[in-house]
Amino acid sequence: MDGVTGVALPMAARAGRARLRRRLRKIAFALSVAVIVSPAILVFFWMLSLSLKNEIDNLTYPPVFIPDPPTLRNFVQVFAENSMGLYFWNSIVVSGFATLIALAVGIPAGYGIARAQAHKLTVLVLIARMTPALSYLIPLFTVFQFLGLNNTLTALVITHLVITVPIVVYIMAGHFETLPKELEEACQIDGGSVWTSFRYVALPLARPGIIVGTILAFIFSWNNFVFGAVLAGRATRTLPAAVYNVLTFEQLAWGPLAAAALVVTVPVLLLTIVIQKEIVVGLTHGGVKA
């Protein structure tokens, strides 16, 4: 009996030490995440505080963090004086259509690159994505001027394809490479064509990657400032370009500026929070070989 007890005690001690190490790792991970994320959270809450205070409180020193009392006057001013409702709709139209077209082009392109093992094309797509947006402005502006498309939403949708298509192609190419080829080969042995195997086998399995590509393409398109500032007119501006118009030469109104920035940020933030599980699953599937 003493021998059994003597063996059990070291095992219990090792199990206790293992639990302690797991807890310490969790605590260390939580602290690391807090340190990394805290600056962004602080900036967001400070922006929220500015948007809910009047201009006197915003210029007070030392700063007042908690609005007392909070006010929605800045949001009312932004929507009343800057047509933010119209610009919000423009952003939805431009980002939505640019994302849908990118999916229609990028999913088949990613499948073709993955199955043909055309890794050089993937590098070309990355180069296109990393090229500064300013490099595309002059040729696109010249073409749109020739076609009479300047200051239109159509021109913005076309230019945003420079952002969305490379993202979708790159993500889908990596995701399709993780899918087992045996399923598609079995479909083709049974008489199915390449299109049939893509449509009924590969595409349903690629749903997590499609969701990730859709969200990332939409977010990058939504946040783009340069194209909207240069190629859009007064009635076709998107939200990031509209925020710039809140600035005036007379003074820097922090309240309306923060309110306009929140109008741009909150929709994408809420979208990311709602479908964060789908994003994690899609990124995990795309990073692990099947």
C-alpha atoms as a PDB file:
ATOM      1  CA  MET A   1       0.000   0.000   0.000  1.00  0.00           C
ATOM      2  CA  ASP A   2       2.823   2.359   0.831  1.00  0.00           C
ATOM      3  CA  GLY A   3       4.400   1.639  -2.559  1.00  0.00           C
ATOM      4  CA  VAL A   4       1.215   2.567  -4.407  1.00  0.00           C
ATOM      5  CA  THR A   5       0.921   5.740  -2.372  1.00  0.00           C
ATOM      6  CA  GLY A   6       4.530   6.590  -3.065  1.00  0.00           C
ATOM      7  CA  VAL A   7       3.946   6.286  -6.802  1.00  0.00           C
ATOM      8  CA  ALA A   8       0.653   8.177  -6.750  1.00  0.00           C
ATOM      9  CA  LEU A   9       2.070  11.194  -4.954  1.00  0.00           C
ATOM     10  CA  PRO A  10       4.714  12.053  -7.608  1.00  0.00           C
ATOM     11  CA  MET A  11       2.105  11.534 -10.342  1.00  0.00           C
ATOM     12  CA  ALA A  12      -0.298  13.897  -8.585  1.00  0.00           C
ATOM     13  CA  ALA A  13       2.520  16.427  -8.156  1.00  0.00           C
ATOM     14  CA  ARG A  14       3.396  16.227 -11.865  1.00  0.00           C
ATOM     15  CA  ALA A  15      -0.263  16.645 -12.804  1.00  0.00           C
ATOM     16  CA  GLY A  16      -0.497  19.686 -10.528  1.00  0.00           C
ATOM     17  CA  ARG A  17       2.613  21.220 -12.066  1.00  0.00           C
ATOM     18  CA  ALA A  18       1.206  20.590 -15.559  1.00  0.00           C
ATOM     19  CA  ARG A  19      -2.055  22.357 -14.649  1.00  0.00           C
ATOM     20  CA  LEU A  20      -0.069  25.239 -13.185  1.00  0.00           C
ATOM     21  CA  ARG A  21       2.004  25.554 -16.379  1.00  0.00           C
ATOM     22  CA  ARG A  22      -1.173  25.566 -18.507  1.00  0.00           C
ATOM     23  CA  ARG A  23      -2.676  28.313 -16.363  1.00  0.00           C
ATOM     24  CA  LEU A  24       0.516  30.350 -16.514  1.00  0.00           C
ATOM     25  CA  ARG A  25       0.610  29.985 -20.307  1.00  0.00           C
ATOM     26  CA  LYS A  26      -3.014  31.132 -20.529  1.00  0.00           C
ATOM     27  CA  ILE A  27      -2.318  34.101 -18.280  1.00  0.00           C
ATOM     28  CA  ALA A  28       0.810  35.011 -20.272  1.00  0.00           C
ATOM     29  CA  PHE A  29      -1.127  34.727 -23.529  1.00  0.00           C
ATOM     30  CA  ALA A  30      -3.940  36.912 -22.176  1.00  0.00           C
ATOM     31  CA  LEU A  31      -1.459  39.549 -20.997  1.00  0.00           C
ATOM     32  CA  SER A  32       0.328  39.508 -24.364  1.00  0.00           C
ATOM     33  CA  VAL A  33      -2.948  39.984 -26.231  1.00  0.00           C
ATOM     34  CA  ALA A  34      -3.912  42.792 -23.839  1.00  0.00           C
ATOM     35  CA  VAL A  35      -0.595  44.583 -24.420  1.00  0.00           C
ATOM     36  CA  ILE A  36      -0.879  44.262 -28.207  1.00  0.00           C
ATOM     37  CA  VAL A  37      -4.552  45.221 -28.459  1.00  0.00           C
ATOM     38  CA  SER A  38      -4.720  47.885 -25.737  1.00  0.00           C
ATOM     39  CA  PRO A  39      -3.404  50.786 -27.899  1.00  0.00           C
ATOM     40  CA  ALA A  40      -6.076  50.169 -30.536  1.00  0.00           C
ATOM     41  CA  ILE A  41      -8.787  49.840 -27.882  1.00  0.00           C
ATOM     42  CA  LEU A  42      -7.606  53.017 -26.172  1.00  0.00           C
ATOM     43  CA  VAL A  43      -7.678  54.951 -29.452  1.00  0.00           C
ATOM     44  CA  PHE A  44     -11.164  53.646 -30.258  1.00  0.00           C
ATOM     45  CA  PHE A  45     -12.580  54.617 -26.852  1.00  0.00           C
ATOM     46  CA  TRP A  46     -10.881  58.012 -27.003  1.00  0.00           C
ATOM     47  CA  MET A  47     -12.455  58.580 -30.431  1.00  0.00           C
ATOM     48  CA  LEU A  48     -15.819  57.537 -28.981  1.00  0.00           C
ATOM     49  CA  SER A  49     -15.304  59.953 -26.091  1.00  0.00           C
ATOM     50  CA  LEU A  50     -14.517  62.831 -28.466  1.00  0.00           C
ATOM     51  CA  SER A  51     -17.630  62.141 -30.516  1.00  0.00           C
ATOM     52  CA  LEU A  52     -19.891  62.266 -27.445  1.00  0.00           C
ATOM     53  CA  LYS A  53     -18.521  65.534 -25.988  1.00  0.00           C
ATOM     54  CA  ASN A  54     -19.059  69.137 -26.970  1.00  0.00           C
ATOM     55  CA  GLU A  55     -16.188  71.116 -28.411  1.00  0.00           C
ATOM     56  CA  ILE A  56     -15.440  72.915 -25.135  1.00  0.00           C
ATOM     57  CA  ASP A  57     -14.870  69.619 -23.317  1.00  0.00           C
ATOM     58  CA  ASN A  58     -12.792  68.325 -26.228  1.00  0.00           C
ATOM     59  CA  LEU A  59     -10.383  71.259 -25.874  1.00  0.00           C
ATOM     60  CA  THR A  60     -10.244  71.176 -22.076  1.00  0.00           C
ATOM     61  CA  TYR A  61      -6.917  70.520 -20.350  1.00  0.00           C
ATOM     62  CA  PRO A  62      -6.472  68.197 -18.571  1.00  0.00           C
ATOM     63  CA  PRO A  63      -8.559  66.082 -20.940  1.00  0.00           C
ATOM     64  CA  VAL A  64     -11.991  64.836 -19.927  1.00  0.00           C
ATOM     65  CA  PHE A  65     -12.346  61.154 -20.846  1.00  0.00           C
ATOM     66  CA  ILE A  66     -15.932  60.440 -19.735  1.00  0.00           C
ATOM     67  CA  PRO A  67     -18.510  62.777 -21.349  1.00  0.00           C
ATOM     68  CA  ASP A  68     -20.633  64.585 -18.780  1.00  0.00           C
ATOM     69  CA  PRO A  69     -23.268  64.747 -20.104  1.00  0.00           C
ATOM     70  CA  PRO A  70     -22.871  62.772 -23.386  1.00  0.00           C
ATOM     71  CA  THR A  71     -24.326  64.345 -26.518  1.00  0.00           C
ATOM     72  CA  LEU A  72     -25.150  63.163 -30.040  1.00  0.00           C
ATOM     73  CA  ARG A  73     -24.844  66.643 -31.467  1.00  0.00           C
ATOM     74  CA  ASN A  74     -21.648  65.801 -33.357  1.00  0.00           C
ATOM     75  CA  PHE A  75     -23.316  62.903 -35.183  1.00  0.00           C
ATOM     76  CA  VAL A  76     -26.316  65.063 -36.052  1.00  0.00           C
ATOM     77  CA  GLN A  77     -23.992  67.782 -37.355  1.00  0.00           C
ATOM     78  CA  VAL A  78     -21.991  65.330 -39.458  1.00  0.00           C
ATOM     79  CA  PHE A  79     -25.054  63.826 -41.125  1.00  0.00           C
ATOM     80  CA  ALA A  80     -26.749  67.204 -41.588  1.00  0.00           C
ATOM     81  CA  GLU A  81     -23.817  69.153 -43.029  1.00  0.00           C
ATOM     82  CA  ASN A  82     -21.877  66.512 -44.977  1.00  0.00           C
ATOM     83  CA  SER A  83     -24.464  64.162 -46.553  1.00  0.00           C
ATOM     84  CA  MET A  84     -22.985  61.216 -44.674  1.00  0.00           C
ATOM     85  CA  GLY A  85     -26.038  59.116 -45.487  1.00  0.00           C
ATOM     86  CA  LEU A  86     -25.304  59.456 -49.222  1.00  0.00           C
ATOM     87  CA  TYR A  87     -21.610  58.718 -48.728  1.00  0.00           C
ATOM     88  CA  PHE A  88     -22.468  55.691 -46.589  1.00  0.00           C
ATOM     89  CA  TRP A  89     -24.636  54.334 -49.407  1.00  0.00           C
ATOM     90  CA  ASN A  90     -21.865  55.043 -51.933  1.00  0.00           C
ATOM     91  CA  SER A  91     -19.420  53.039 -49.831  1.00  0.00           C
ATOM     92  CA  ILE A  92     -21.837  50.107 -49.621  1.00  0.00           C
ATOM     93  CA  VAL A  93     -22.410  50.150 -53.396  1.00  0.00           C
ATOM     94  CA  VAL A  94     -18.731  50.491 -54.326  1.00  0.00           C
ATOM     95  CA  SER A  95     -17.386  47.973 -51.808  1.00  0.00           C
ATOM     96  CA  GLY A  96     -20.256  45.559 -52.399  1.00  0.00           C
ATOM     97  CA  PHE A  97     -19.962  45.453 -56.175  1.00  0.00           C
ATOM     98  CA  ALA A  98     -16.157  45.416 -56.080  1.00  0.00           C
ATOM     99  CA  THR A  99     -16.279  42.426 -53.712  1.00  0.00           C
ATOM    100  CA  LEU A 100     -18.898  40.536 -55.752  1.00  0.00           C
ATOM    101  CA  ILE A 101     -16.969  41.019 -59.002  1.00  0.00           C
ATOM    102  CA  ALA A 102     -13.749  39.995 -57.256  1.00  0.00           C
ATOM    103  CA  LEU A 103     -15.426  36.787 -56.058  1.00  0.00           C
ATOM    104  CA  ALA A 104     -16.722  36.018 -59.549  1.00  0.00           C
ATOM    105  CA  VAL A 105     -13.216  36.473 -60.987  1.00  0.00           C
ATOM    106  CA  GLY A 106     -11.009  35.444 -58.073  1.00  0.00           C
ATOM    107  CA  ILE A 107     -12.564  32.111 -57.068  1.00  0.00           C
ATOM    108  CA  PRO A 108     -12.122  30.435 -60.499  1.00  0.00           C
ATOM    109  CA  ALA A 109      -8.724  32.099 -60.875  1.00  0.00           C
ATOM    110  CA  GLY A 110      -7.596  30.821 -57.493  1.00  0.00           C
ATOM    111  CA  TYR A 111      -8.829  27.330 -58.350  1.00  0.00           C
ATOM    112  CA  GLY A 112      -6.942  27.364 -61.656  1.00  0.00           C
ATOM    113  CA  ILE A 113      -3.734  28.590 -60.015  1.00  0.00           C
ATOM    114  CA  ALA A 114      -3.965  25.948 -57.280  1.00  0.00           C
ATOM    115  CA  ARG A 115      -4.662  23.030 -59.604  1.00  0.00           C
ATOM    116  CA  ALA A 116      -2.080  24.107 -62.210  1.00  0.00           C
ATOM    117  CA  GLN A 117       0.531  24.724 -59.476  1.00  0.00           C
ATOM    118  CA  ALA A 118       1.171  28.110 -61.094  1.00  0.00           C
ATOM    119  CA  HIS A 119       2.998  29.631 -58.148  1.00  0.00           C
ATOM    120  CA  LYS A 120       4.573  32.323 -60.325  1.00  0.00           C
ATOM    121  CA  LEU A 121       1.111  33.724 -60.949  1.00  0.00           C
ATOM    122  CA  THR A 122       0.605  33.890 -57.197  1.00  0.00           C
ATOM    123  CA  VAL A 123       3.749  35.993 -56.910  1.00  0.00           C
ATOM    124  CA  LEU A 124       2.409  38.233 -59.685  1.00  0.00           C
ATOM    125  CA  VAL A 125      -0.847  38.642 -57.778  1.00  0.00           C
ATOM    126  CA  LEU A 126       1.107  39.581 -54.637  1.00  0.00           C
ATOM    127  CA  ILE A 127       3.075  42.177 -56.601  1.00  0.00           C
ATOM    128  CA  ALA A 128      -0.173  43.658 -57.899  1.00  0.00           C
ATOM    129  CA  ARG A 129      -1.509  43.804 -54.337  1.00  0.00           C
ATOM    130  CA  MET A 130       1.642  45.402 -52.905  1.00  0.00           C
ATOM    131  CA  THR A 131       1.898  48.037 -55.651  1.00  0.00           C
ATOM    132  CA  PRO A 132       0.938  51.446 -54.190  1.00  0.00           C
ATOM    133  CA  ALA A 133      -2.522  52.632 -55.188  1.00  0.00           C
ATOM    134  CA  LEU A 134      -1.039  55.926 -56.406  1.00  0.00           C
ATOM    135  CA  SER A 135       0.673  53.995 -59.224  1.00  0.00           C
ATOM    136  CA  TYR A 136      -2.723  53.203 -60.749  1.00  0.00           C
ATOM    137  CA  LEU A 137      -4.245  56.660 -60.432  1.00  0.00           C
ATOM    138  CA  ILE A 138      -2.796  58.463 -63.469  1.00  0.00           C
ATOM    139  CA  PRO A 139      -3.513  55.740 -66.078  1.00  0.00           C
ATOM    140  CA  LEU A 140      -6.955  55.039 -64.620  1.00  0.00           C
ATOM    141  CA  PHE A 141      -7.814  58.730 -64.469  1.00  0.00           C
ATOM    142  CA  THR A 142      -6.778  59.123 -68.124  1.00  0.00           C
ATOM    143  CA  VAL A 143      -8.859  56.132 -69.222  1.00  0.00           C
ATOM    144  CA  PHE A 144     -11.916  57.242 -67.260  1.00  0.00           C
ATOM    145  CA  GLN A 145     -11.618  60.758 -68.636  1.00  0.00           C
ATOM    146  CA  PHE A 146     -11.558  59.345 -72.174  1.00  0.00           C
ATOM    147  CA  LEU A 147     -14.612  57.174 -71.456  1.00  0.00           C
ATOM    148  CA  GLY A 148     -16.472  59.905 -69.587  1.00  0.00           C
ATOM    149  CA  LEU A 149     -16.567  57.907 -66.347  1.00  0.00           C
ATOM    150  CA  ASN A 150     -14.831  60.367 -64.033  1.00  0.00           C
ATOM    151  CA  ASN A 151     -16.777  61.247 -60.893  1.00  0.00           C
ATOM    152  CA  THR A 152     -18.992  58.144 -61.194  1.00  0.00           C
ATOM    153  CA  LEU A 153     -19.528  55.128 -58.982  1.00  0.00           C
ATOM    154  CA  THR A 154     -18.714  52.875 -61.939  1.00  0.00           C
ATOM    155  CA  ALA A 155     -15.183  54.264 -62.053  1.00  0.00           C
ATOM    156  CA  LEU A 156     -14.769  53.678 -58.317  1.00  0.00           C
ATOM    157  CA  VAL A 157     -15.980  50.088 -58.587  1.00  0.00           C
ATOM    158  CA  ILE A 158     -13.478  49.411 -61.383  1.00  0.00           C
ATOM    159  CA  THR A 159     -10.592  50.966 -59.466  1.00  0.00           C
ATOM    160  CA  HIS A 160     -11.457  49.057 -56.290  1.00  0.00           C
ATOM    161  CA  LEU A 161     -11.017  45.822 -58.231  1.00  0.00           C
ATOM    162  CA  VAL A 162      -7.303  46.578 -57.995  1.00  0.00           C
ATOM    163  CA  ILE A 163      -7.737  46.041 -54.246  1.00  0.00           C
ATOM    164  CA  THR A 164     -10.271  43.223 -54.051  1.00  0.00           C
ATOM    165  CA  VAL A 165      -9.287  40.862 -56.887  1.00  0.00           C
ATOM    166  CA  PRO A 166      -5.689  40.156 -55.702  1.00  0.00           C
ATOM    167  CA  ILE A 167      -6.923  39.516 -52.158  1.00  0.00           C
ATOM    168  CA  VAL A 168      -9.557  36.998 -53.262  1.00  0.00           C
ATOM    169  CA  VAL A 169      -7.246  35.268 -55.766  1.00  0.00           C
ATOM    170  CA  TYR A 170      -4.432  34.870 -53.242  1.00  0.00           C
ATOM    171  CA  ILE A 171      -6.669  33.587 -50.444  1.00  0.00           C
ATOM    172  CA  MET A 172      -8.592  31.183 -52.677  1.00  0.00           C
ATOM    173  CA  ALA A 173      -5.442  29.819 -54.330  1.00  0.00           C
ATOM    174  CA  GLY A 174      -4.016  28.981 -50.909  1.00  0.00           C
ATOM    175  CA  HIS A 175      -7.317  27.491 -49.753  1.00  0.00           C
ATOM    176  CA  PHE A 176      -7.862  25.292 -52.814  1.00  0.00           C
ATOM    177  CA  GLU A 177      -4.356  23.892 -52.392  1.00  0.00           C
ATOM    178  CA  THR A 178      -5.388  22.481 -49.013  1.00  0.00           C
ATOM    179  CA  LEU A 179      -8.357  20.559 -50.456  1.00  0.00           C
ATOM    180  CA  PRO A 180      -7.781  16.886 -51.291  1.00  0.00           C
ATOM    181  CA  LYS A 181      -7.535  16.295 -55.042  1.00  0.00           C
ATOM    182  CA  GLU A 182      -8.846  12.739 -54.671  1.00  0.00           C
ATOM    183  CA  LEU A 183     -12.443  13.943 -54.394  1.00  0.00           C
ATOM    184  CA  GLU A 184     -12.236  15.861 -57.661  1.00  0.00           C
ATOM    185  CA  GLU A 185     -10.453  12.975 -59.371  1.00  0.00           C
ATOM    186  CA  ALA A 186     -13.219  10.610 -58.246  1.00  0.00           C
ATOM    187  CA  CYS A 187     -15.798  12.980 -59.701  1.00  0.00           C
ATOM    188  CA  GLN A 188     -13.974  13.092 -63.033  1.00  0.00           C
ATOM    189  CA  ILE A 189     -13.615   9.286 -63.089  1.00  0.00           C
ATOM    190  CA  ASP A 190     -17.400   9.074 -62.755  1.00  0.00           C
ATOM    191  CA  GLY A 191     -17.741  11.179 -65.897  1.00  0.00           C
ATOM    192  CA  GLY A 192     -17.759  14.676 -64.476  1.00  0.00           C
ATOM    193  CA  SER A 193     -15.987  17.532 -66.199  1.00  0.00           C
ATOM    194  CA  VAL A 194     -13.513  19.947 -64.641  1.00  0.00           C
ATOM    195  CA  TRP A 195     -16.336  22.445 -64.250  1.00  0.00           C
ATOM    196  CA  THR A 196     -18.519  19.812 -62.543  1.00  0.00           C
ATOM    197  CA  SER A 197     -15.791  18.899 -60.056  1.00  0.00           C
ATOM    198  CA  PHE A 198     -15.189  22.590 -59.365  1.00  0.00           C
ATOM    199  CA  ARG A 199     -18.873  23.460 -59.002  1.00  0.00           C
ATOM    200  CA  TYR A 200     -20.077  20.500 -56.949  1.00  0.00           C
ATOM    201  CA  VAL A 201     -16.945  19.317 -55.127  1.00  0.00           C
ATOM    202  CA  ALA A 202     -14.324  22.048 -54.657  1.00  0.00           C
ATOM    203  CA  LEU A 203     -16.632  25.055 -54.301  1.00  0.00           C
ATOM    204  CA  PRO A 204     -18.738  23.736 -51.376  1.00  0.00           C
ATOM    205  CA  LEU A 205     -15.569  22.678 -49.543  1.00  0.00           C
ATOM    206  CA  ALA A 206     -14.052  26.122 -50.066  1.00  0.00           C
ATOM    207  CA  ARG A 207     -16.832  27.947 -48.205  1.00  0.00           C
ATOM    208  CA  PRO A 208     -14.617  29.034 -45.250  1.00  0.00           C
ATOM    209  CA  GLY A 209     -12.023  30.477 -47.631  1.00  0.00           C
ATOM    210  CA  ILE A 210     -14.718  32.273 -49.618  1.00  0.00           C
ATOM    211  CA  ILE A 211     -16.031  33.894 -46.443  1.00  0.00           C
ATOM    212  CA  VAL A 212     -12.555  35.070 -45.428  1.00  0.00           C
ATOM    213  CA  GLY A 213     -11.833  36.419 -48.919  1.00  0.00           C
ATOM    214  CA  THR A 214     -15.179  38.219 -48.994  1.00  0.00           C
ATOM    215  CA  ILE A 215     -14.689  39.898 -45.634  1.00  0.00           C
ATOM    216  CA  LEU A 216     -11.085  40.946 -46.218  1.00  0.00           C
ATOM    217  CA  ALA A 217     -11.836  42.246 -49.708  1.00  0.00           C
ATOM    218  CA  PHE A 218     -14.822  44.217 -48.414  1.00  0.00           C
ATOM    219  CA  ILE A 219     -12.853  45.689 -45.499  1.00  0.00           C
ATOM    220  CA  PHE A 220      -9.906  46.794 -47.644  1.00  0.00           C
ATOM    221  CA  SER A 221     -12.261  48.269 -50.236  1.00  0.00           C
ATOM    222  CA  TRP A 222     -14.340  50.026 -47.566  1.00  0.00           C
ATOM    223  CA  ASN A 223     -11.255  51.624 -45.978  1.00  0.00           C
ATOM    224  CA  ASN A 224      -9.678  52.858 -49.213  1.00  0.00           C
ATOM    225  CA  PHE A 225      -9.188  56.618 -49.229  1.00  0.00           C
ATOM    226  CA  VAL A 226      -7.045  57.485 -52.253  1.00  0.00           C
ATOM    227  CA  PHE A 227      -9.387  56.398 -55.041  1.00  0.00           C
ATOM    228  CA  GLY A 228     -12.401  58.092 -53.480  1.00  0.00           C
ATOM    229  CA  ALA A 229     -10.497  61.314 -52.855  1.00  0.00           C
ATOM    230  CA  VAL A 230      -9.134  61.605 -56.416  1.00  0.00           C
ATOM    231  CA  LEU A 231     -11.638  59.930 -58.742  1.00  0.00           C
ATOM    232  CA  ALA A 232     -14.948  60.668 -57.005  1.00  0.00           C
ATOM    233  CA  GLY A 233     -17.089  63.784 -57.304  1.00  0.00           C
ATOM    234  CA  ARG A 234     -19.091  65.611 -54.668  1.00  0.00           C
ATOM    235  CA  ALA A 235     -22.034  63.213 -55.017  1.00  0.00           C
ATOM    236  CA  THR A 236     -19.994  60.016 -55.451  1.00  0.00           C
ATOM    237  CA  ARG A 237     -17.559  60.228 -52.544  1.00  0.00           C
ATOM    238  CA  THR A 238     -17.132  57.252 -50.244  1.00  0.00           C
ATOM    239  CA  LEU A 239     -16.986  57.515 -46.462  1.00  0.00           C
ATOM    240  CA  PRO A 240     -13.179  57.670 -45.991  1.00  0.00           C
ATOM    241  CA  ALA A 241     -12.975  60.559 -48.477  1.00  0.00           C
ATOM    242  CA  ALA A 242     -15.984  62.213 -46.827  1.00  0.00           C
ATOM    243  CA  VAL A 243     -14.245  62.188 -43.434  1.00  0.00           C
ATOM    244  CA  TYR A 244     -11.477  64.293 -44.954  1.00  0.00           C
ATOM    245  CA  ASN A 245     -14.087  66.899 -45.920  1.00  0.00           C
ATOM    246  CA  VAL A 246     -15.062  67.312 -42.274  1.00  0.00           C
ATOM    247  CA  LEU A 247     -11.759  69.152 -41.789  1.00  0.00           C
ATOM    248  CA  THR A 248     -12.018  72.909 -42.285  1.00  0.00           C
ATOM    249  CA  PHE A 249      -9.481  75.682 -42.761  1.00  0.00           C
ATOM    250  CA  GLU A 250     -10.948  77.729 -39.898  1.00  0.00           C
ATOM    251  CA  GLN A 251     -10.537  75.171 -37.098  1.00  0.00           C
ATOM    252  CA  LEU A 252     -10.096  71.508 -36.326  1.00  0.00           C
ATOM    253  CA  ALA A 253     -13.419  70.331 -34.881  1.00  0.00           C
ATOM    254  CA  TRP A 254     -12.512  67.172 -32.987  1.00  0.00           C
ATOM    255  CA  GLY A 255     -16.087  66.182 -32.146  1.00  0.00           C
ATOM    256  CA  PRO A 256     -17.477  66.024 -35.709  1.00  0.00           C
ATOM    257  CA  LEU A 257     -14.215  64.517 -36.969  1.00  0.00           C
ATOM    258  CA  ALA A 258     -14.382  61.701 -34.391  1.00  0.00           C
ATOM    259  CA  ALA A 259     -18.077  61.141 -35.126  1.00  0.00           C
ATOM    260  CA  ALA A 260     -17.364  60.849 -38.870  1.00  0.00           C
ATOM    261  CA  ALA A 261     -14.487  58.447 -38.186  1.00  0.00           C
ATOM    262  CA  LEU A 262     -16.793  56.265 -36.060  1.00  0.00           C
ATOM    263  CA  VAL A 263     -19.352  56.160 -38.869  1.00  0.00           C
ATOM    264  CA  VAL A 264     -16.607  54.699 -41.080  1.00  0.00           C
ATOM    265  CA  THR A 265     -15.232  52.305 -38.466  1.00  0.00           C
ATOM    266  CA  VAL A 266     -18.286  50.859 -36.722  1.00  0.00           C
ATOM    267  CA  PRO A 267     -19.921  48.978 -39.653  1.00  0.00           C
ATOM    268  CA  VAL A 268     -16.750  47.040 -40.463  1.00  0.00           C
ATOM    269  CA  LEU A 269     -16.039  46.469 -36.766  1.00  0.00           C
ATOM    270  CA  LEU A 270     -19.517  45.047 -36.158  1.00  0.00           C
ATOM    271  CA  LEU A 271     -19.254  42.866 -39.263  1.00  0.00           C
ATOM    272  CA  THR A 272     -15.943  41.454 -38.064  1.00  0.00           C
ATOM    273  CA  ILE A 273     -17.279  40.751 -34.558  1.00  0.00           C
ATOM    274  CA  VAL A 274     -20.404  39.007 -35.841  1.00  0.00           C
ATOM    275  CA  ILE A 275     -18.571  36.587 -38.134  1.00  0.00           C
ATOM    276  CA  GLN A 276     -15.246  36.307 -36.318  1.00  0.00           C
ATOM    277  CA  LYS A 277     -15.667  32.537 -35.891  1.00  0.00           C
ATOM    278  CA  GLU A 278     -16.065  32.101 -39.650  1.00  0.00           C
ATOM    279  CA  ILE A 279     -12.922  34.160 -40.223  1.00  0.00           C
ATOM    280  CA  VAL A 280     -10.875  32.071 -37.789  1.00  0.00           C
ATOM    281  CA  VAL A 281     -12.125  28.813 -39.328  1.00  0.00           C
ATOM    282  CA  GLY A 282     -11.376  30.045 -42.841  1.00  0.00           C
ATOM    283  CA  LEU A 283      -7.867  31.198 -42.001  1.00  0.00           C
ATOM    284  CA  THR A 284      -7.170  27.929 -40.176  1.00  0.00           C
ATOM    285  CA  HIS A 285      -8.387  25.817 -43.105  1.00  0.00           C
ATOM    286  CA  GLY A 286      -6.319  27.852 -45.502  1.00  0.00           C
ATOM    287  CA  GLY A 287      -3.155  27.422 -43.460  1.00  0.00           C
ATOM    288  CA  VAL A 288      -3.236  23.678 -42.781  1.00  0.00           C
ATOM    289  CA  LYS A 289      -2.717  21.056 -45.452  1.00  0.00           C
ATOM    290  CA  ALA A 290      -5.504  18.480 -45.703  1.00  0.00           C
END
